[in-house]
């Protein structure tokens, strides 16, 4: 996994970069503004670009489209210390694959990054609830597929095979589902899904 991290705060850049490397991320390249990040993206291949919302050159959310062009359509996510529901919603509308608050714990951040690299949109549950998303439990289409498989009693290994995903990705989905449904485990998540007719 190769990550491009762009943030104008040295401490944030260095801390997040060190943590990602300690968690097994193959390579983390950093930049302190959008122009430098665009140059890096045009010269190298990355699995995900993480852009600070307020850094120089971003011009609000305009930087998302420019970075997507540099990434040749690759996933771009916003990293922000001002995690308001409106900004998060606008970032996703502008094409970002995720919105990552800087207040997230290190473990939660790496889980979010892995989900986004696998092609899933990431938005923290508390922000989803505040954006007024009317879909039941705010489940993504992939989470709904995993939930349906849980209701069928399938194991993570079976679900991974059926959906052509890594087993670790399924584990992350199950963890997210339990959190979103306020379930203690996969069995309870399946029961809640049936009760609420989510599948």
N, C-alpha and C. Protein backbone atom coordinates (compact mmCIF):
# COMPACT_ATOMS: atom_id res chain seq x y z
N UNK A 1 0.85 -1.19 0.00
CA UNK A 1 0.00 0.00 0.00
C UNK A 1 0.89 1.25 0.00
N UNK A 2 0.63 2.15 -0.94
CA UNK A 2 1.42 3.37 -1.06
C UNK A 2 0.50 4.58 -0.86
N UNK A 3 0.84 5.42 0.10
CA UNK A 3 -0.02 6.55 0.47
C UNK A 3 0.70 7.88 0.22
N UNK A 4 -0.03 8.84 -0.32
CA UNK A 4 0.47 10.21 -0.46
C UNK A 4 -0.24 11.04 0.60
N UNK A 5 0.53 11.64 1.50
CA UNK A 5 -0.03 12.42 2.61
C UNK A 5 0.38 13.88 2.46
N UNK A 6 -0.59 14.76 2.29
CA UNK A 6 -0.29 16.18 2.11
C UNK A 6 -0.93 17.00 3.22
N UNK A 7 -0.09 17.68 4.00
CA UNK A 7 -0.57 18.50 5.12
C UNK A 7 0.49 19.56 5.40
N UNK A 8 0.05 20.79 5.67
CA UNK A 8 1.02 21.86 5.89
C UNK A 8 1.54 21.93 7.33
N UNK A 9 1.03 21.07 8.21
CA UNK A 9 1.53 21.03 9.59
C UNK A 9 2.55 19.90 9.73
N UNK A 10 3.79 20.27 10.04
CA UNK A 10 4.87 19.28 10.15
C UNK A 10 4.54 18.16 11.13
N UNK A 11 3.98 18.53 12.28
CA UNK A 11 3.71 17.54 13.33
C UNK A 11 2.69 16.50 12.85
N UNK A 12 1.61 16.97 12.22
CA UNK A 12 0.59 16.05 11.71
C UNK A 12 1.19 15.13 10.65
N UNK A 13 1.91 15.75 9.72
CA UNK A 13 2.52 14.99 8.62
C UNK A 13 3.45 13.90 9.15
N UNK A 14 4.34 14.30 10.05
CA UNK A 14 5.34 13.35 10.57
C UNK A 14 4.69 12.26 11.43
N UNK A 15 3.73 12.65 12.27
CA UNK A 15 3.09 11.68 13.16
C UNK A 15 2.29 10.65 12.38
N UNK A 16 1.46 11.12 11.46
CA UNK A 16 0.63 10.19 10.67
C UNK A 16 1.52 9.31 9.80
N UNK A 17 2.54 9.89 9.20
CA UNK A 17 3.46 9.12 8.34
C UNK A 17 4.15 8.01 9.12
N UNK A 18 4.67 8.34 10.30
CA UNK A 18 5.35 7.33 11.13
C UNK A 18 4.40 6.23 11.55
N UNK A 19 3.17 6.60 11.91
CA UNK A 19 2.21 5.60 12.34
C UNK A 19 1.87 4.65 11.19
N UNK A 20 1.61 5.21 10.00
CA UNK A 20 1.25 4.38 8.85
C UNK A 20 2.37 3.38 8.54
N UNK A 21 3.60 3.85 8.60
CA UNK A 21 4.74 2.96 8.33
C UNK A 21 4.83 1.86 9.39
N UNK A 22 4.55 2.22 10.65
CA UNK A 22 4.62 1.23 11.73
C UNK A 22 3.52 0.19 11.59
N UNK A 23 2.44 0.54 10.87
CA UNK A 23 1.33 -0.39 10.66
C UNK A 23 1.48 -1.19 9.37
N UNK A 24 2.65 -1.10 8.76
CA UNK A 24 2.93 -1.93 7.60
C UNK A 24 2.65 -1.31 6.25
N UNK A 25 2.34 0.00 6.23
CA UNK A 25 2.16 0.67 4.94
C UNK A 25 3.51 0.70 4.24
N UNK A 26 3.54 0.21 3.01
CA UNK A 26 4.79 0.04 2.28
C UNK A 26 5.55 1.34 2.09
N UNK A 27 4.85 2.39 1.69
CA UNK A 27 5.51 3.68 1.45
C UNK A 27 4.55 4.83 1.71
N UNK A 28 5.06 5.86 2.35
CA UNK A 28 4.29 7.08 2.60
C UNK A 28 5.12 8.26 2.09
N UNK A 29 4.61 8.95 1.09
CA UNK A 29 5.29 10.15 0.60
C UNK A 29 4.52 11.35 1.11
N UNK A 30 5.23 12.37 1.55
CA UNK A 30 4.57 13.54 2.12
C UNK A 30 4.80 14.80 1.28
N UNK A 31 3.85 15.73 1.43
CA UNK A 31 3.95 17.03 0.78
C UNK A 31 3.32 18.05 1.71
N UNK A 32 3.74 19.32 1.61
CA UNK A 32 3.21 20.33 2.54
C UNK A 32 2.22 21.29 1.89
N UNK A 33 1.92 21.09 0.61
CA UNK A 33 0.91 21.91 -0.06
C UNK A 33 0.40 21.15 -1.28
N UNK A 34 -0.68 21.65 -1.88
CA UNK A 34 -1.27 20.93 -3.01
C UNK A 34 -0.36 20.87 -4.24
N UNK A 35 0.30 21.97 -4.64
CA UNK A 35 1.18 21.88 -5.81
C UNK A 35 2.24 20.78 -5.69
N UNK A 36 2.86 20.68 -4.50
CA UNK A 36 3.87 19.62 -4.29
C UNK A 36 3.23 18.24 -4.35
N UNK A 37 2.01 18.13 -3.81
CA UNK A 37 1.31 16.85 -3.83
C UNK A 37 0.95 16.45 -5.26
N UNK A 38 0.52 17.42 -6.05
CA UNK A 38 0.18 17.14 -7.46
C UNK A 38 1.40 16.66 -8.23
N UNK A 39 2.55 17.29 -7.95
CA UNK A 39 3.80 16.87 -8.61
C UNK A 39 4.14 15.44 -8.23
N UNK A 40 4.04 15.13 -6.93
CA UNK A 40 4.35 13.77 -6.46
C UNK A 40 3.42 12.75 -7.10
N UNK A 41 2.13 13.08 -7.20
CA UNK A 41 1.14 12.15 -7.76
C UNK A 41 1.36 11.92 -9.24
N UNK A 42 1.86 12.94 -9.94
CA UNK A 42 2.08 12.78 -11.39
C UNK A 42 3.35 11.98 -11.68
N UNK A 43 4.24 11.91 -10.68
CA UNK A 43 5.51 11.21 -10.90
C UNK A 43 5.54 9.80 -10.32
N UNK A 44 4.60 9.50 -9.42
CA UNK A 44 4.57 8.19 -8.76
C UNK A 44 3.16 7.62 -8.74
N UNK A 45 3.07 6.34 -8.41
CA UNK A 45 1.77 5.68 -8.31
C UNK A 45 1.42 5.48 -6.84
N UNK A 46 0.21 5.94 -6.45
CA UNK A 46 -0.24 5.81 -5.06
C UNK A 46 -1.60 5.11 -5.01
N UNK A 47 -1.82 4.40 -3.91
CA UNK A 47 -3.12 3.73 -3.71
C UNK A 47 -4.16 4.69 -3.15
N UNK A 48 -3.69 5.77 -2.50
CA UNK A 48 -4.60 6.75 -1.90
C UNK A 48 -3.85 8.05 -1.64
N UNK A 49 -4.55 9.16 -1.90
CA UNK A 49 -4.00 10.48 -1.55
C UNK A 49 -4.84 11.05 -0.41
N UNK A 50 -4.18 11.45 0.67
CA UNK A 50 -4.84 12.08 1.82
C UNK A 50 -4.48 13.56 1.81
N UNK A 51 -5.47 14.43 1.61
CA UNK A 51 -5.21 15.86 1.50
C UNK A 51 -5.81 16.64 2.67
N UNK A 52 -5.00 17.50 3.28
CA UNK A 52 -5.50 18.38 4.34
C UNK A 52 -6.44 19.41 3.71
N UNK A 53 -7.60 19.57 4.30
CA UNK A 53 -8.63 20.47 3.76
C UNK A 53 -8.17 21.93 3.72
N UNK A 54 -7.37 22.34 4.71
CA UNK A 54 -7.00 23.75 4.83
C UNK A 54 -5.59 24.09 4.36
N UNK A 55 -4.88 23.18 3.73
CA UNK A 55 -3.50 23.50 3.36
C UNK A 55 -3.45 24.41 2.13
N UNK A 56 -2.31 25.10 1.93
CA UNK A 56 -2.16 25.99 0.78
C UNK A 56 -2.40 25.29 -0.55
N UNK A 57 -3.16 25.97 -1.42
CA UNK A 57 -3.41 25.45 -2.77
C UNK A 57 -4.71 24.69 -2.92
N UNK A 58 -5.33 24.32 -1.79
CA UNK A 58 -6.55 23.51 -1.88
C UNK A 58 -7.76 24.29 -2.42
N UNK A 59 -7.84 25.56 -2.04
CA UNK A 59 -8.98 26.38 -2.47
C UNK A 59 -10.30 25.67 -2.15
N UNK A 60 -10.47 25.38 -0.86
CA UNK A 60 -11.66 24.64 -0.45
C UNK A 60 -11.57 23.20 -0.94
N UNK A 61 -12.61 22.77 -1.63
CA UNK A 61 -12.63 21.38 -2.13
C UNK A 61 -12.22 21.28 -3.60
N UNK A 62 -11.81 22.40 -4.20
CA UNK A 62 -11.39 22.38 -5.61
C UNK A 62 -10.19 21.46 -5.83
N UNK A 63 -9.38 21.32 -4.78
CA UNK A 63 -8.17 20.50 -4.90
C UNK A 63 -8.46 19.03 -5.13
N UNK A 64 -9.66 18.58 -4.76
CA UNK A 64 -9.99 17.16 -4.93
C UNK A 64 -9.94 16.76 -6.41
N UNK A 65 -10.62 17.53 -7.25
CA UNK A 65 -10.65 17.22 -8.68
C UNK A 65 -9.27 17.28 -9.32
N UNK A 66 -8.48 18.27 -8.92
CA UNK A 66 -7.12 18.39 -9.47
C UNK A 66 -6.26 17.20 -9.08
N UNK A 67 -6.42 16.76 -7.83
CA UNK A 67 -5.64 15.60 -7.38
C UNK A 67 -6.10 14.32 -8.06
N UNK A 68 -7.42 14.19 -8.27
CA UNK A 68 -7.92 13.01 -8.98
C UNK A 68 -7.34 12.93 -10.39
N UNK A 69 -7.22 14.08 -11.04
CA UNK A 69 -6.60 14.10 -12.37
C UNK A 69 -5.15 13.64 -12.30
N UNK A 70 -4.41 14.15 -11.30
CA UNK A 70 -3.01 13.77 -11.13
C UNK A 70 -2.88 12.29 -10.78
N UNK A 71 -3.87 11.76 -10.05
CA UNK A 71 -3.87 10.35 -9.64
C UNK A 71 -4.46 9.45 -10.72
N UNK A 72 -4.82 10.06 -11.87
CA UNK A 72 -5.46 9.32 -12.96
C UNK A 72 -6.72 8.58 -12.49
N UNK A 73 -7.52 9.29 -11.69
CA UNK A 73 -8.77 8.71 -11.21
C UNK A 73 -8.65 7.93 -9.92
N UNK A 74 -7.44 7.87 -9.36
CA UNK A 74 -7.23 7.14 -8.11
C UNK A 74 -7.94 7.80 -6.95
N UNK A 75 -8.14 7.07 -5.84
CA UNK A 75 -8.89 7.60 -4.71
C UNK A 75 -8.20 8.74 -3.98
N UNK A 76 -9.00 9.76 -3.65
CA UNK A 76 -8.52 10.94 -2.93
C UNK A 76 -9.43 11.15 -1.71
N UNK A 77 -8.83 11.34 -0.55
CA UNK A 77 -9.61 11.57 0.67
C UNK A 77 -9.18 12.87 1.33
N UNK A 78 -10.09 13.45 2.10
CA UNK A 78 -9.82 14.68 2.81
C UNK A 78 -9.48 14.38 4.27
N UNK A 79 -8.43 15.02 4.76
CA UNK A 79 -8.00 14.92 6.15
C UNK A 79 -8.25 16.30 6.76
N UNK A 80 -9.00 16.36 7.84
CA UNK A 80 -9.34 17.68 8.37
C UNK A 80 -9.47 17.74 9.88
N UNK A 81 -9.06 18.88 10.43
CA UNK A 81 -9.23 19.12 11.86
C UNK A 81 -10.55 19.81 12.14
N UNK A 82 -11.18 20.31 11.07
CA UNK A 82 -12.49 20.98 11.21
C UNK A 82 -13.55 20.06 10.62
N UNK A 83 -13.85 19.02 11.35
CA UNK A 83 -14.73 17.97 10.85
C UNK A 83 -16.20 18.32 11.00
N UNK A 84 -16.70 19.24 10.18
CA UNK A 84 -18.12 19.57 10.24
C UNK A 84 -18.89 18.69 9.26
N UNK A 85 -20.13 18.36 9.57
CA UNK A 85 -20.94 17.53 8.67
C UNK A 85 -21.07 18.12 7.28
N UNK A 86 -21.21 19.45 7.18
CA UNK A 86 -21.39 20.09 5.87
C UNK A 86 -20.16 19.91 5.00
N UNK A 87 -18.97 20.10 5.58
CA UNK A 87 -17.72 19.93 4.82
C UNK A 87 -17.57 18.47 4.39
N UNK A 88 -17.86 17.55 5.31
CA UNK A 88 -17.75 16.13 4.99
C UNK A 88 -18.66 15.75 3.83
N UNK A 89 -19.89 16.20 3.90
CA UNK A 89 -20.87 15.89 2.85
C UNK A 89 -20.43 16.48 1.51
N UNK A 90 -19.96 17.74 1.54
CA UNK A 90 -19.52 18.40 0.31
C UNK A 90 -18.29 17.72 -0.28
N UNK A 91 -17.40 17.22 0.59
CA UNK A 91 -16.20 16.53 0.12
C UNK A 91 -16.57 15.26 -0.65
N UNK A 92 -17.52 14.49 -0.12
CA UNK A 92 -17.96 13.27 -0.80
C UNK A 92 -18.65 13.62 -2.12
N UNK A 93 -19.47 14.67 -2.10
CA UNK A 93 -20.14 15.12 -3.34
C UNK A 93 -19.13 15.53 -4.40
N UNK A 94 -18.00 16.12 -3.93
CA UNK A 94 -16.96 16.60 -4.85
C UNK A 94 -16.10 15.46 -5.39
N UNK A 95 -16.37 14.23 -4.91
CA UNK A 95 -15.65 13.08 -5.46
C UNK A 95 -14.65 12.42 -4.52
N UNK A 96 -14.52 12.95 -3.29
CA UNK A 96 -13.59 12.32 -2.34
C UNK A 96 -14.12 10.94 -1.95
N UNK A 97 -13.20 10.01 -1.73
CA UNK A 97 -13.63 8.67 -1.32
C UNK A 97 -13.80 8.59 0.19
N UNK A 98 -13.40 9.65 0.87
CA UNK A 98 -13.57 9.64 2.31
C UNK A 98 -13.25 10.95 2.97
N UNK A 99 -13.64 11.06 4.22
CA UNK A 99 -13.39 12.25 5.03
C UNK A 99 -12.87 11.76 6.37
N UNK A 100 -11.59 12.06 6.66
CA UNK A 100 -10.93 11.53 7.85
C UNK A 100 -10.62 12.66 8.84
N UNK A 101 -11.33 12.74 9.96
CA UNK A 101 -11.03 13.77 10.97
C UNK A 101 -9.67 13.50 11.61
N UNK A 102 -8.91 14.55 11.87
CA UNK A 102 -7.60 14.39 12.52
C UNK A 102 -7.76 13.93 13.97
N UNK A 103 -8.98 14.03 14.49
CA UNK A 103 -9.24 13.62 15.88
C UNK A 103 -9.41 12.10 16.01
N UNK A 104 -9.43 11.39 14.88
CA UNK A 104 -9.60 9.93 14.94
C UNK A 104 -8.41 9.28 15.63
N UNK A 105 -8.67 8.16 16.29
CA UNK A 105 -7.57 7.41 16.88
C UNK A 105 -6.72 6.82 15.77
N UNK A 106 -5.47 6.51 16.09
CA UNK A 106 -4.55 5.98 15.09
C UNK A 106 -5.07 4.67 14.49
N UNK A 107 -5.60 3.79 15.34
CA UNK A 107 -6.10 2.49 14.85
C UNK A 107 -7.30 2.69 13.93
N UNK A 108 -8.19 3.61 14.30
CA UNK A 108 -9.37 3.88 13.46
C UNK A 108 -8.95 4.46 12.12
N UNK A 109 -7.91 5.30 12.14
CA UNK A 109 -7.45 5.92 10.90
C UNK A 109 -6.90 4.88 9.93
N UNK A 110 -6.11 3.93 10.43
CA UNK A 110 -5.55 2.91 9.54
C UNK A 110 -6.67 2.03 8.98
N UNK A 111 -7.69 1.76 9.79
CA UNK A 111 -8.84 0.97 9.32
C UNK A 111 -9.57 1.72 8.21
N UNK A 112 -9.74 3.03 8.41
CA UNK A 112 -10.41 3.85 7.40
C UNK A 112 -9.62 3.87 6.10
N UNK A 113 -8.30 3.99 6.21
CA UNK A 113 -7.45 4.03 5.02
C UNK A 113 -7.54 2.71 4.26
N UNK A 114 -7.53 1.60 4.99
CA UNK A 114 -7.62 0.29 4.32
C UNK A 114 -8.96 0.15 3.60
N UNK A 115 -10.03 0.63 4.21
CA UNK A 115 -11.34 0.57 3.56
C UNK A 115 -11.34 1.39 2.27
N UNK A 116 -10.77 2.60 2.33
CA UNK A 116 -10.76 3.47 1.16
C UNK A 116 -9.89 2.90 0.04
N UNK A 117 -8.75 2.32 0.42
CA UNK A 117 -7.88 1.69 -0.58
C UNK A 117 -8.61 0.53 -1.27
N UNK A 118 -9.50 -0.14 -0.52
CA UNK A 118 -10.25 -1.26 -1.12
C UNK A 118 -11.42 -0.77 -1.98
N UNK A 119 -11.61 0.58 -2.02
CA UNK A 119 -12.64 1.13 -2.90
C UNK A 119 -13.92 1.56 -2.20
N UNK A 120 -13.93 1.51 -0.86
CA UNK A 120 -15.13 1.88 -0.11
C UNK A 120 -15.08 3.33 0.32
N UNK A 121 -16.23 3.99 0.30
CA UNK A 121 -16.32 5.36 0.79
C UNK A 121 -16.33 5.34 2.32
N UNK A 122 -15.51 6.22 2.93
CA UNK A 122 -15.46 6.27 4.38
C UNK A 122 -15.95 7.63 4.89
N UNK A 123 -16.89 7.58 5.81
CA UNK A 123 -17.38 8.77 6.49
C UNK A 123 -17.68 8.35 7.93
N UNK A 124 -17.09 9.02 8.93
CA UNK A 124 -17.33 8.62 10.33
C UNK A 124 -18.83 8.57 10.64
N UNK A 125 -19.22 7.61 11.44
CA UNK A 125 -20.63 7.41 11.76
C UNK A 125 -21.28 8.67 12.32
N UNK A 126 -20.58 9.36 13.24
CA UNK A 126 -21.18 10.56 13.84
C UNK A 126 -21.46 11.64 12.80
N UNK A 127 -20.60 11.72 11.76
CA UNK A 127 -20.83 12.70 10.70
C UNK A 127 -21.93 12.23 9.76
N UNK A 128 -22.02 10.93 9.51
CA UNK A 128 -23.09 10.39 8.66
C UNK A 128 -24.45 10.72 9.25
N UNK A 129 -24.55 10.54 10.56
CA UNK A 129 -25.84 10.77 11.22
C UNK A 129 -26.24 12.24 11.14
N UNK A 130 -25.24 13.13 11.17
CA UNK A 130 -25.52 14.56 11.15
C UNK A 130 -25.76 15.11 9.74
N UNK A 131 -25.35 14.37 8.71
CA UNK A 131 -25.54 14.88 7.36
C UNK A 131 -26.95 14.65 6.86
N UNK A 132 -27.74 13.92 7.64
CA UNK A 132 -29.14 13.72 7.27
C UNK A 132 -29.33 12.65 6.21
N UNK A 133 -28.38 11.73 6.11
CA UNK A 133 -28.53 10.62 5.16
C UNK A 133 -29.73 9.79 5.59
N UNK A 134 -30.68 9.63 4.71
CA UNK A 134 -31.94 8.98 5.09
C UNK A 134 -31.91 7.46 4.98
N UNK A 135 -30.84 6.93 4.39
CA UNK A 135 -30.79 5.48 4.26
C UNK A 135 -30.67 4.82 5.63
N UNK A 136 -31.36 3.74 5.82
CA UNK A 136 -31.35 3.05 7.11
C UNK A 136 -29.93 2.66 7.50
N UNK A 137 -29.53 3.07 8.68
CA UNK A 137 -28.22 2.75 9.26
C UNK A 137 -27.05 3.28 8.44
N UNK A 138 -27.31 4.04 7.38
CA UNK A 138 -26.26 4.63 6.56
C UNK A 138 -25.27 3.59 6.02
N UNK A 139 -25.78 2.46 5.59
CA UNK A 139 -24.90 1.41 5.09
C UNK A 139 -24.54 1.64 3.64
N UNK A 140 -23.26 1.37 3.30
CA UNK A 140 -22.85 1.43 1.90
C UNK A 140 -23.37 0.18 1.21
N UNK A 141 -23.30 0.16 -0.10
CA UNK A 141 -23.78 -1.01 -0.85
C UNK A 141 -22.95 -2.24 -0.49
N UNK A 142 -21.63 -2.05 -0.29
CA UNK A 142 -20.76 -3.17 0.07
C UNK A 142 -21.11 -3.69 1.46
N UNK A 143 -21.36 -2.77 2.41
CA UNK A 143 -21.73 -3.19 3.76
C UNK A 143 -23.04 -3.96 3.75
N UNK A 144 -23.96 -3.55 2.88
CA UNK A 144 -25.24 -4.26 2.76
C UNK A 144 -25.02 -5.68 2.26
N UNK A 145 -24.09 -5.83 1.30
CA UNK A 145 -23.76 -7.17 0.78
C UNK A 145 -23.19 -8.05 1.89
N UNK A 146 -22.28 -7.47 2.68
CA UNK A 146 -21.67 -8.23 3.77
C UNK A 146 -22.72 -8.58 4.83
N UNK A 147 -23.60 -7.63 5.11
CA UNK A 147 -24.66 -7.87 6.10
C UNK A 147 -25.58 -8.99 5.64
N UNK A 148 -25.90 -8.98 4.37
CA UNK A 148 -26.77 -10.03 3.81
C UNK A 148 -26.11 -11.41 3.98
N UNK A 149 -24.79 -11.44 3.76
CA UNK A 149 -24.04 -12.70 3.91
C UNK A 149 -24.00 -13.14 5.38
N UNK A 150 -23.89 -12.16 6.28
CA UNK A 150 -23.92 -12.49 7.72
C UNK A 150 -25.26 -13.12 8.08
N UNK A 151 -26.32 -12.57 7.52
CA UNK A 151 -27.67 -13.10 7.79
C UNK A 151 -27.83 -14.51 7.24
N UNK A 152 -27.03 -14.84 6.23
CA UNK A 152 -27.05 -16.18 5.65
C UNK A 152 -26.16 -17.14 6.43
N UNK A 153 -25.50 -16.60 7.48
CA UNK A 153 -24.65 -17.44 8.33
C UNK A 153 -23.28 -17.75 7.75
N UNK A 154 -22.83 -16.97 6.78
CA UNK A 154 -21.53 -17.24 6.15
C UNK A 154 -20.38 -16.73 7.01
N UNK A 155 -19.23 -17.39 6.90
CA UNK A 155 -18.03 -16.99 7.63
C UNK A 155 -17.34 -15.86 6.85
N UNK A 156 -16.39 -15.18 7.52
CA UNK A 156 -15.63 -14.12 6.84
C UNK A 156 -14.92 -14.66 5.60
N UNK A 157 -14.39 -15.87 5.73
CA UNK A 157 -13.66 -16.48 4.61
C UNK A 157 -14.59 -16.71 3.42
N UNK A 158 -15.79 -17.19 3.70
CA UNK A 158 -16.76 -17.44 2.62
C UNK A 158 -17.22 -16.13 1.97
N UNK A 159 -17.44 -15.11 2.81
CA UNK A 159 -17.87 -13.82 2.28
C UNK A 159 -16.77 -13.22 1.42
N UNK A 160 -15.53 -13.32 1.89
CA UNK A 160 -14.38 -12.79 1.13
C UNK A 160 -14.30 -13.46 -0.24
N UNK A 161 -14.50 -14.77 -0.25
CA UNK A 161 -14.44 -15.51 -1.52
C UNK A 161 -15.57 -15.09 -2.45
N UNK A 162 -16.78 -14.99 -1.89
CA UNK A 162 -17.95 -14.61 -2.70
C UNK A 162 -17.83 -13.22 -3.30
N UNK A 163 -17.27 -12.28 -2.52
CA UNK A 163 -17.19 -10.88 -2.97
C UNK A 163 -15.84 -10.54 -3.60
N UNK A 164 -14.96 -11.54 -3.68
CA UNK A 164 -13.63 -11.36 -4.26
C UNK A 164 -12.86 -10.27 -3.52
N UNK A 165 -12.85 -10.36 -2.19
CA UNK A 165 -12.13 -9.40 -1.35
C UNK A 165 -11.22 -10.16 -0.39
N UNK A 166 -10.30 -9.42 0.25
CA UNK A 166 -9.44 -10.02 1.26
C UNK A 166 -10.24 -10.26 2.54
N UNK A 167 -9.89 -11.32 3.26
CA UNK A 167 -10.62 -11.63 4.51
C UNK A 167 -10.49 -10.49 5.52
N UNK A 168 -9.32 -9.82 5.54
CA UNK A 168 -9.12 -8.71 6.47
C UNK A 168 -10.08 -7.56 6.17
N UNK A 169 -10.41 -7.37 4.89
CA UNK A 169 -11.36 -6.32 4.50
C UNK A 169 -12.76 -6.66 5.02
N UNK A 170 -13.12 -7.94 4.95
CA UNK A 170 -14.43 -8.37 5.46
C UNK A 170 -14.50 -8.15 6.96
N UNK A 171 -13.40 -8.44 7.67
CA UNK A 171 -13.37 -8.22 9.12
C UNK A 171 -13.62 -6.75 9.45
N UNK A 172 -13.04 -5.86 8.65
CA UNK A 172 -13.25 -4.42 8.86
C UNK A 172 -14.70 -4.05 8.62
N UNK A 173 -15.30 -4.64 7.57
CA UNK A 173 -16.71 -4.37 7.28
C UNK A 173 -17.61 -4.84 8.43
N UNK A 174 -17.31 -6.03 8.95
CA UNK A 174 -18.12 -6.58 10.04
C UNK A 174 -18.00 -5.68 11.28
N UNK A 175 -16.78 -5.22 11.55
CA UNK A 175 -16.56 -4.32 12.69
C UNK A 175 -17.36 -3.03 12.51
N UNK A 176 -17.33 -2.48 11.30
CA UNK A 176 -18.06 -1.24 11.00
C UNK A 176 -19.56 -1.47 11.12
N UNK A 177 -20.03 -2.62 10.62
CA UNK A 177 -21.46 -2.94 10.70
C UNK A 177 -21.92 -3.01 12.15
N UNK A 178 -21.11 -3.67 12.99
CA UNK A 178 -21.47 -3.80 14.40
C UNK A 178 -21.56 -2.42 15.06
N UNK A 179 -20.63 -1.54 14.68
CA UNK A 179 -20.64 -0.19 15.25
C UNK A 179 -21.87 0.59 14.77
N UNK A 180 -22.14 0.52 13.47
CA UNK A 180 -23.27 1.27 12.91
C UNK A 180 -24.61 0.77 13.44
N UNK A 181 -24.69 -0.54 13.67
CA UNK A 181 -25.96 -1.13 14.13
C UNK A 181 -26.03 -1.23 15.65
N UNK A 182 -24.95 -0.79 16.31
CA UNK A 182 -24.88 -0.87 17.78
C UNK A 182 -25.06 -2.32 18.24
N UNK A 183 -24.36 -3.21 17.54
CA UNK A 183 -24.44 -4.64 17.85
C UNK A 183 -23.15 -5.10 18.53
N UNK A 184 -23.28 -6.05 19.44
CA UNK A 184 -22.11 -6.56 20.16
C UNK A 184 -21.28 -7.52 19.31
N UNK A 185 -21.93 -8.21 18.39
CA UNK A 185 -21.21 -9.17 17.55
C UNK A 185 -21.96 -9.38 16.23
N UNK A 186 -21.41 -10.22 15.39
CA UNK A 186 -21.97 -10.44 14.04
C UNK A 186 -23.37 -11.06 14.11
N UNK A 187 -23.58 -11.93 15.08
CA UNK A 187 -24.90 -12.57 15.21
C UNK A 187 -25.98 -11.54 15.55
N UNK A 188 -25.63 -10.66 16.51
CA UNK A 188 -26.59 -9.62 16.87
C UNK A 188 -26.81 -8.65 15.71
N UNK A 189 -25.76 -8.38 14.95
CA UNK A 189 -25.89 -7.49 13.78
C UNK A 189 -26.89 -8.08 12.78
N UNK A 190 -26.80 -9.39 12.57
CA UNK A 190 -27.73 -10.06 11.65
C UNK A 190 -29.16 -9.99 12.19
N UNK A 191 -29.31 -10.17 13.49
CA UNK A 191 -30.65 -10.11 14.09
C UNK A 191 -31.25 -8.71 13.96
N UNK A 192 -30.43 -7.69 14.21
CA UNK A 192 -30.90 -6.31 14.10
C UNK A 192 -31.29 -6.01 12.65
N UNK A 193 -30.48 -6.50 11.72
CA UNK A 193 -30.76 -6.28 10.29
C UNK A 193 -32.11 -6.87 9.91
N UNK A 194 -32.41 -8.06 10.42
CA UNK A 194 -33.70 -8.69 10.12
C UNK A 194 -34.84 -7.91 10.75
N UNK A 195 -34.65 -7.51 12.01
CA UNK A 195 -35.68 -6.77 12.74
C UNK A 195 -36.02 -5.46 12.03
N UNK A 196 -34.97 -4.78 11.54
CA UNK A 196 -35.17 -3.47 10.90
C UNK A 196 -35.46 -3.59 9.41
N UNK A 197 -35.43 -4.85 8.93
CA UNK A 197 -35.65 -5.12 7.50
C UNK A 197 -34.67 -4.31 6.63
N UNK A 198 -33.39 -4.38 7.00
CA UNK A 198 -32.35 -3.65 6.27
C UNK A 198 -31.88 -4.39 5.03
N UNK A 199 -32.24 -5.67 4.92
CA UNK A 199 -31.78 -6.45 3.77
C UNK A 199 -32.95 -7.10 3.06
